[in-house]
Amino acid sequence: MAWIRDMDEDEARAEGGRLARLYKAGADEHTGRVDNILRVHALRPDSLDGHLRLYRAAMHSPQGLTRREREAMAVAVSAVNHCGY
């Protein structure tokens, strides 16, 4: 659970505007849910926009490793660092 105030998807839709659009862009393609790591940006949409851009640049680049390989590397690094997220 985050210590930072966040907003769920319904709250973001009710707010409308930019935050709702960013939540839609950041939602999981299978579940439609927005991960907690993105929801903590709710009060600062500029930081959410930056987070999404950085993530896409790092994980969806057409050069180098595949997305599956990048995700596997992220899981391995998290395990080494004892990070449960």
C-alpha atoms as a PDB file:
ATOM      1  CA  MET A   1       0.000   0.000   0.000  1.00  0.00           C
ATOM      2  CA  ALA A   2       1.301   3.433  -0.939  1.00  0.00           C
ATOM      3  CA  TRP A   3       1.827   6.147   1.643  1.00  0.00           C
ATOM      4  CA  ILE A   4       1.259   8.672  -1.099  1.00  0.00           C
ATOM      5  CA  ARG A   5      -2.354   9.526  -1.868  1.00  0.00           C
ATOM      6  CA  ASP A   6      -3.327   7.875  -5.116  1.00  0.00           C
ATOM      7  CA  MET A   7      -6.490   7.586  -7.191  1.00  0.00           C
ATOM      8  CA  ASP A   8      -8.134   4.512  -8.542  1.00  0.00           C
ATOM      9  CA  GLU A   9      -9.383   4.337 -12.092  1.00  0.00           C
ATOM     10  CA  ASP A  10     -12.921   5.471 -11.196  1.00  0.00           C
ATOM     11  CA  GLU A  11     -11.630   8.570  -9.387  1.00  0.00           C
ATOM     12  CA  ALA A  12      -9.374   9.438 -12.326  1.00  0.00           C
ATOM     13  CA  ARG A  13     -12.288   9.091 -14.770  1.00  0.00           C
ATOM     14  CA  ALA A  14     -14.399  11.320 -12.534  1.00  0.00           C
ATOM     15  CA  GLU A  15     -11.605  13.925 -12.535  1.00  0.00           C
ATOM     16  CA  GLY A  16     -11.555  13.708 -16.320  1.00  0.00           C
ATOM     17  CA  GLY A  17      -9.063  15.566 -18.440  1.00  0.00           C
ATOM     18  CA  ARG A  18      -5.394  14.757 -18.636  1.00  0.00           C
ATOM     19  CA  LEU A  19      -5.229  12.356 -15.672  1.00  0.00           C
ATOM     20  CA  ALA A  20      -8.004  10.189 -17.112  1.00  0.00           C
ATOM     21  CA  ARG A  21      -6.207  10.077 -20.478  1.00  0.00           C
ATOM     22  CA  LEU A  22      -2.885   9.150 -18.829  1.00  0.00           C
ATOM     23  CA  TYR A  23      -4.532   6.416 -16.761  1.00  0.00           C
ATOM     24  CA  LYS A  24      -6.086   5.015 -19.922  1.00  0.00           C
ATOM     25  CA  ALA A  25      -2.680   5.079 -21.640  1.00  0.00           C
ATOM     26  CA  GLY A  26      -1.011   3.379 -18.664  1.00  0.00           C
ATOM     27  CA  ALA A  27      -3.649   0.730 -17.981  1.00  0.00           C
ATOM     28  CA  ASP A  28      -2.759  -2.937 -18.281  1.00  0.00           C
ATOM     29  CA  GLU A  29      -3.819  -4.126 -21.719  1.00  0.00           C
ATOM     30  CA  HIS A  30      -5.407  -7.301 -20.314  1.00  0.00           C
ATOM     31  CA  THR A  31      -7.078  -6.135 -17.097  1.00  0.00           C
ATOM     32  CA  GLY A  32      -7.624  -2.428 -17.706  1.00  0.00           C
ATOM     33  CA  ARG A  33      -6.198  -1.725 -14.235  1.00  0.00           C
ATOM     34  CA  VAL A  34      -3.518   0.867 -13.481  1.00  0.00           C
ATOM     35  CA  ASP A  35      -0.562  -0.397 -11.424  1.00  0.00           C
ATOM     36  CA  ASN A  36       0.079   1.169  -8.025  1.00  0.00           C
ATOM     37  CA  ILE A  37       3.476   2.442  -9.194  1.00  0.00           C
ATOM     38  CA  LEU A  38       1.596   4.620 -11.700  1.00  0.00           C
ATOM     39  CA  ARG A  39      -1.281   5.563  -9.390  1.00  0.00           C
ATOM     40  CA  VAL A  40       1.069   7.318  -6.946  1.00  0.00           C
ATOM     41  CA  HIS A  41       1.586   9.936  -9.673  1.00  0.00           C
ATOM     42  CA  ALA A  42      -2.113  10.895  -9.571  1.00  0.00           C
ATOM     43  CA  LEU A  43      -1.538  14.269  -7.938  1.00  0.00           C
ATOM     44  CA  ARG A  44       1.243  15.135 -10.390  1.00  0.00           C
ATOM     45  CA  PRO A  45       0.135  14.191 -13.924  1.00  0.00           C
ATOM     46  CA  ASP A  46       3.386  15.599 -15.358  1.00  0.00           C
ATOM     47  CA  SER A  47       5.373  12.992 -13.426  1.00  0.00           C
ATOM     48  CA  LEU A  48       2.992  10.241 -14.585  1.00  0.00           C
ATOM     49  CA  ASP A  49       3.485  11.354 -18.180  1.00  0.00           C
ATOM     50  CA  GLY A  50       7.269  11.256 -17.690  1.00  0.00           C
ATOM     51  CA  HIS A  51       7.110   7.824 -16.055  1.00  0.00           C
ATOM     52  CA  LEU A  52       5.070   6.410 -18.942  1.00  0.00           C
ATOM     53  CA  ARG A  53       7.426   7.896 -21.537  1.00  0.00           C
ATOM     54  CA  LEU A  54      10.520   6.515 -19.774  1.00  0.00           C
ATOM     55  CA  TYR A  55       8.956   3.071 -19.369  1.00  0.00           C
ATOM     56  CA  ARG A  56       7.956   2.905 -23.021  1.00  0.00           C
ATOM     57  CA  ALA A  57      11.394   4.045 -24.189  1.00  0.00           C
ATOM     58  CA  ALA A  58      13.106   1.448 -21.999  1.00  0.00           C
ATOM     59  CA  MET A  59      10.779  -1.493 -22.538  1.00  0.00           C
ATOM     60  CA  HIS A  60       9.342  -1.033 -26.035  1.00  0.00           C
ATOM     61  CA  SER A  61      12.382   0.014 -28.048  1.00  0.00           C
ATOM     62  CA  PRO A  62      12.634  -1.847 -31.358  1.00  0.00           C
ATOM     63  CA  GLN A  63      16.415  -2.207 -30.970  1.00  0.00           C
ATOM     64  CA  GLY A  64      18.306  -4.699 -28.840  1.00  0.00           C
ATOM     65  CA  LEU A  65      16.542  -7.060 -26.477  1.00  0.00           C
ATOM     66  CA  THR A  66      12.946  -8.182 -26.893  1.00  0.00           C
ATOM     67  CA  ARG A  67      10.357  -6.982 -24.421  1.00  0.00           C
ATOM     68  CA  ARG A  68      10.227 -10.471 -22.907  1.00  0.00           C
ATOM     69  CA  GLU A  69      14.008 -10.397 -22.371  1.00  0.00           C
ATOM     70  CA  ARG A  70      13.797  -6.912 -20.830  1.00  0.00           C
ATOM     71  CA  GLU A  71      11.026  -8.023 -18.455  1.00  0.00           C
ATOM     72  CA  ALA A  72      13.046 -11.120 -17.476  1.00  0.00           C
ATOM     73  CA  MET A  73      16.050  -8.922 -16.760  1.00  0.00           C
ATOM     74  CA  ALA A  74      13.908  -6.597 -14.622  1.00  0.00           C
ATOM     75  CA  VAL A  75      12.610  -9.579 -12.613  1.00  0.00           C
ATOM     76  CA  ALA A  76      16.160 -10.904 -12.112  1.00  0.00           C
ATOM     77  CA  VAL A  77      17.459  -7.510 -10.936  1.00  0.00           C
ATOM     78  CA  SER A  78      14.491  -7.147  -8.566  1.00  0.00           C
ATOM     79  CA  ALA A  79      15.207 -10.606  -7.116  1.00  0.00           C
ATOM     80  CA  VAL A  80      18.895  -9.790  -6.570  1.00  0.00           C
ATOM     81  CA  ASN A  81      17.869  -6.540  -4.858  1.00  0.00           C
ATOM     82  CA  HIS A  82      15.242  -8.346  -2.723  1.00  0.00           C
ATOM     83  CA  CYS A  83      12.550  -6.115  -4.225  1.00  0.00           C
ATOM     84  CA  GLY A  84       9.086  -7.638  -4.151  1.00  0.00           C
ATOM     85  CA  TYR A  85       7.608  -5.285  -6.703  1.00  0.00           C
END
